[in-house]
Structures are given as C-alpha cells and as structure tokens.
Amino acid sequence: MTMERTLATPSLDDVSADPEKPAGRRPSGADDYAVASFVAGLTGLLVFNLVLGPCALVFGSMALANRTTRRGRAVLGLTLGAADLIVISVLVTINGTVSWSAD
C-alpha cells in the first residue's frame, strides 16, 4: 500500500481576491438571483417588458432577502424591473397597445 499525498496544491481557481470569502467557494444562490435580476431587467427594457419586469423584481427581492454579496446588482435589477413596468404602462397609455410600433 502506498501513501498518497493528502495536501493538495492550490490551483489558480482557488485563489480569491476577497480575503473574507473562502478560497474555492462558488458564489451563493443569492448571487445568482442578483445576476438574474439584472439580466432580466436589462433585457426587459427591449423585449417582453410585461414578463421580464416582474421577474427582475422577484429575483432582486430574493437576492436581497438571502443577503447577496452583489447587493448593487440586485438593486439595479430591481430598478430596471420597475423601469420595465413603467415603460409598458407608458406604451399602453400613449398607443393603446403593448407594442413598440407606432402604426
């Protein structure tokens, strides 16, 4: 029986820039919700405002409730989600339709 080395050498993936965050640890689910909120809010400004706006609001709220480390991104997602709903309400008020077309 041979003895294997128990100490592993750290790879570059294990090195963390944040000293409070343990090395080699993946971001939590709350961080994923913050990113999803931002992406949904930003995309919702262009397409599917009525669907992606509320999704951005829900994802941003979930990220903040779970204490994400990406708080700014979650707040930005909440802001963009609210902007999505404002854009769709302005379009409905002005054009009487939910489309961008002026016809």
C-alpha atoms as a PDB file:
ATOM      1  CA  MET A   1       0.000   0.000   0.000  1.00  0.00           C
ATOM      2  CA  THR A   2       1.409   3.367  -0.963  1.00  0.00           C
ATOM      3  CA  MET A   3       0.791   6.527   0.939  1.00  0.00           C
ATOM      4  CA  GLU A   4      -0.761   9.279  -1.124  1.00  0.00           C
ATOM      5  CA  ARG A   5      -0.186  12.906  -0.511  1.00  0.00           C
ATOM      6  CA  THR A   6      -3.059  14.444   1.390  1.00  0.00           C
ATOM      7  CA  LEU A   7      -2.072  18.047   0.834  1.00  0.00           C
ATOM      8  CA  ALA A   8      -3.243  19.389  -2.475  1.00  0.00           C
ATOM      9  CA  THR A   9      -1.573  22.323  -4.109  1.00  0.00           C
ATOM     10  CA  PRO A  10      -3.946  25.213  -4.688  1.00  0.00           C
ATOM     11  CA  SER A  11      -4.833  25.966  -8.272  1.00  0.00           C
ATOM     12  CA  LEU A  12      -5.450  29.419  -9.709  1.00  0.00           C
ATOM     13  CA  ASP A  13      -9.199  28.765  -9.486  1.00  0.00           C
ATOM     14  CA  ASP A  14      -8.959  28.501  -5.699  1.00  0.00           C
ATOM     15  CA  VAL A  15      -7.406  31.928  -5.234  1.00  0.00           C
ATOM     16  CA  SER A  16      -9.901  34.551  -4.153  1.00  0.00           C
ATOM     17  CA  ALA A  17      -9.429  38.315  -4.400  1.00  0.00           C
ATOM     18  CA  ASP A  18     -11.726  38.855  -1.420  1.00  0.00           C
ATOM     19  CA  PRO A  19      -9.966  37.895   1.831  1.00  0.00           C
ATOM     20  CA  GLU A  20     -13.280  37.364   3.660  1.00  0.00           C
ATOM     21  CA  LYS A  21     -14.537  34.903   1.065  1.00  0.00           C
ATOM     22  CA  PRO A  22     -13.147  31.375   1.405  1.00  0.00           C
ATOM     23  CA  ALA A  23     -10.959  30.239  -1.481  1.00  0.00           C
ATOM     24  CA  GLY A  24     -12.514  27.878  -3.995  1.00  0.00           C
ATOM     25  CA  ARG A  25     -16.060  28.680  -2.942  1.00  0.00           C
ATOM     26  CA  ARG A  26     -18.675  29.284  -5.600  1.00  0.00           C
ATOM     27  CA  PRO A  27     -20.965  32.309  -5.261  1.00  0.00           C
ATOM     28  CA  SER A  28     -24.142  31.557  -3.358  1.00  0.00           C
ATOM     29  CA  GLY A  29     -27.564  31.187  -4.916  1.00  0.00           C
ATOM     30  CA  ALA A  30     -28.364  34.710  -3.783  1.00  0.00           C
ATOM     31  CA  ASP A  31     -25.611  35.999  -6.064  1.00  0.00           C
ATOM     32  CA  ASP A  32     -27.150  34.063  -8.946  1.00  0.00           C
ATOM     33  CA  TYR A  33     -30.508  35.708  -8.228  1.00  0.00           C
ATOM     34  CA  ALA A  34     -28.856  39.144  -8.266  1.00  0.00           C
ATOM     35  CA  VAL A  35     -27.330  38.492 -11.687  1.00  0.00           C
ATOM     36  CA  ALA A  36     -30.618  37.052 -12.989  1.00  0.00           C
ATOM     37  CA  SER A  37     -32.439  40.152 -11.753  1.00  0.00           C
ATOM     38  CA  PHE A  38     -30.026  42.457 -13.553  1.00  0.00           C
ATOM     39  CA  VAL A  39     -30.151  40.485 -16.821  1.00  0.00           C
ATOM     40  CA  ALA A  40     -33.959  40.174 -16.759  1.00  0.00           C
ATOM     41  CA  GLY A  41     -34.384  43.886 -16.035  1.00  0.00           C
ATOM     42  CA  LEU A  42     -31.967  44.969 -18.740  1.00  0.00           C
ATOM     43  CA  THR A  43     -33.408  42.613 -21.365  1.00  0.00           C
ATOM     44  CA  GLY A  44     -36.932  43.584 -20.333  1.00  0.00           C
ATOM     45  CA  LEU A  45     -36.328  47.156 -21.439  1.00  0.00           C
ATOM     46  CA  LEU A  46     -36.170  45.883 -25.021  1.00  0.00           C
ATOM     47  CA  VAL A  47     -38.464  42.844 -25.177  1.00  0.00           C
ATOM     48  CA  PHE A  48     -41.123  41.142 -23.043  1.00  0.00           C
ATOM     49  CA  ASN A  49     -41.480  44.052 -20.589  1.00  0.00           C
ATOM     50  CA  LEU A  50     -44.606  42.565 -19.060  1.00  0.00           C
ATOM     51  CA  VAL A  51     -42.882  39.245 -18.264  1.00  0.00           C
ATOM     52  CA  LEU A  52     -39.268  40.175 -17.535  1.00  0.00           C
ATOM     53  CA  GLY A  53     -40.048  43.252 -15.418  1.00  0.00           C
ATOM     54  CA  PRO A  54     -41.827  41.315 -12.657  1.00  0.00           C
ATOM     55  CA  CYS A  55     -39.204  38.537 -12.922  1.00  0.00           C
ATOM     56  CA  ALA A  56     -36.472  41.116 -12.283  1.00  0.00           C
ATOM     57  CA  LEU A  57     -38.381  42.421  -9.267  1.00  0.00           C
ATOM     58  CA  VAL A  58     -38.839  38.931  -7.815  1.00  0.00           C
ATOM     59  CA  PHE A  59     -35.237  37.857  -8.429  1.00  0.00           C
ATOM     60  CA  GLY A  60     -33.871  41.090  -6.964  1.00  0.00           C
ATOM     61  CA  SER A  61     -36.057  40.761  -3.883  1.00  0.00           C
ATOM     62  CA  MET A  62     -34.980  37.151  -3.394  1.00  0.00           C
ATOM     63  CA  ALA A  63     -31.314  38.110  -3.714  1.00  0.00           C
ATOM     64  CA  LEU A  64     -31.623  40.864  -1.127  1.00  0.00           C
ATOM     65  CA  ALA A  65     -33.642  38.648   1.216  1.00  0.00           C
ATOM     66  CA  ASN A  66     -30.915  35.980   1.028  1.00  0.00           C
ATOM     67  CA  ARG A  67     -28.185  38.584   1.738  1.00  0.00           C
ATOM     68  CA  THR A  68     -26.353  38.551  -1.565  1.00  0.00           C
ATOM     69  CA  THR A  69     -22.807  39.842  -1.791  1.00  0.00           C
ATOM     70  CA  ARG A  70     -23.810  41.552  -5.052  1.00  0.00           C
ATOM     71  CA  ARG A  71     -26.217  43.980  -3.443  1.00  0.00           C
ATOM     72  CA  GLY A  72     -25.655  46.709  -6.044  1.00  0.00           C
ATOM     73  CA  ARG A  73     -26.514  44.376  -8.890  1.00  0.00           C
ATOM     74  CA  ALA A  74     -29.697  43.244  -7.105  1.00  0.00           C
ATOM     75  CA  VAL A  75     -30.777  46.860  -6.509  1.00  0.00           C
ATOM     76  CA  LEU A  76     -30.023  47.705 -10.130  1.00  0.00           C
ATOM     77  CA  GLY A  77     -32.135  44.712 -11.196  1.00  0.00           C
ATOM     78  CA  LEU A  78     -34.995  45.979  -9.036  1.00  0.00           C
ATOM     79  CA  THR A  79     -34.677  49.435 -10.586  1.00  0.00           C
ATOM     80  CA  LEU A  80     -34.610  48.056 -14.129  1.00  0.00           C
ATOM     81  CA  GLY A  81     -37.588  45.801 -13.374  1.00  0.00           C
ATOM     82  CA  ALA A  82     -39.580  48.803 -12.191  1.00  0.00           C
ATOM     83  CA  ALA A  83     -38.480  50.712 -15.299  1.00  0.00           C
ATOM     84  CA  ASP A  84     -39.749  47.825 -17.451  1.00  0.00           C
ATOM     85  CA  LEU A  85     -43.200  48.159 -15.929  1.00  0.00           C
ATOM     86  CA  ILE A  86     -43.149  51.950 -16.295  1.00  0.00           C
ATOM     87  CA  VAL A  87     -42.194  51.638 -19.983  1.00  0.00           C
ATOM     88  CA  ILE A  88     -45.001  49.166 -20.684  1.00  0.00           C
ATOM     89  CA  SER A  89     -47.549  51.334 -18.851  1.00  0.00           C
ATOM     90  CA  VAL A  90     -46.477  54.425 -20.819  1.00  0.00           C
ATOM     91  CA  LEU A  91     -46.749  52.477 -24.093  1.00  0.00           C
ATOM     92  CA  VAL A  92     -50.237  51.287 -23.216  1.00  0.00           C
ATOM     93  CA  THR A  93     -51.309  54.786 -22.207  1.00  0.00           C
ATOM     94  CA  ILE A  94     -49.920  56.540 -25.284  1.00  0.00           C
ATOM     95  CA  ASN A  95     -50.527  53.976 -28.032  1.00  0.00           C
ATOM     96  CA  GLY A  96     -53.262  51.845 -26.533  1.00  0.00           C
ATOM     97  CA  THR A  97     -51.161  48.766 -27.315  1.00  0.00           C
ATOM     98  CA  VAL A  98     -48.236  46.858 -25.796  1.00  0.00           C
ATOM     99  CA  SER A  99     -46.092  47.025 -28.940  1.00  0.00           C
ATOM    100  CA  TRP A 100     -43.346  49.445 -29.940  1.00  0.00           C
ATOM    101  CA  SER A 101     -44.951  50.020 -33.342  1.00  0.00           C
ATOM    102  CA  ALA A 102     -46.398  53.489 -33.981  1.00  0.00           C
ATOM    103  CA  ASP A 103     -48.848  52.188 -36.602  1.00  0.00           C
END
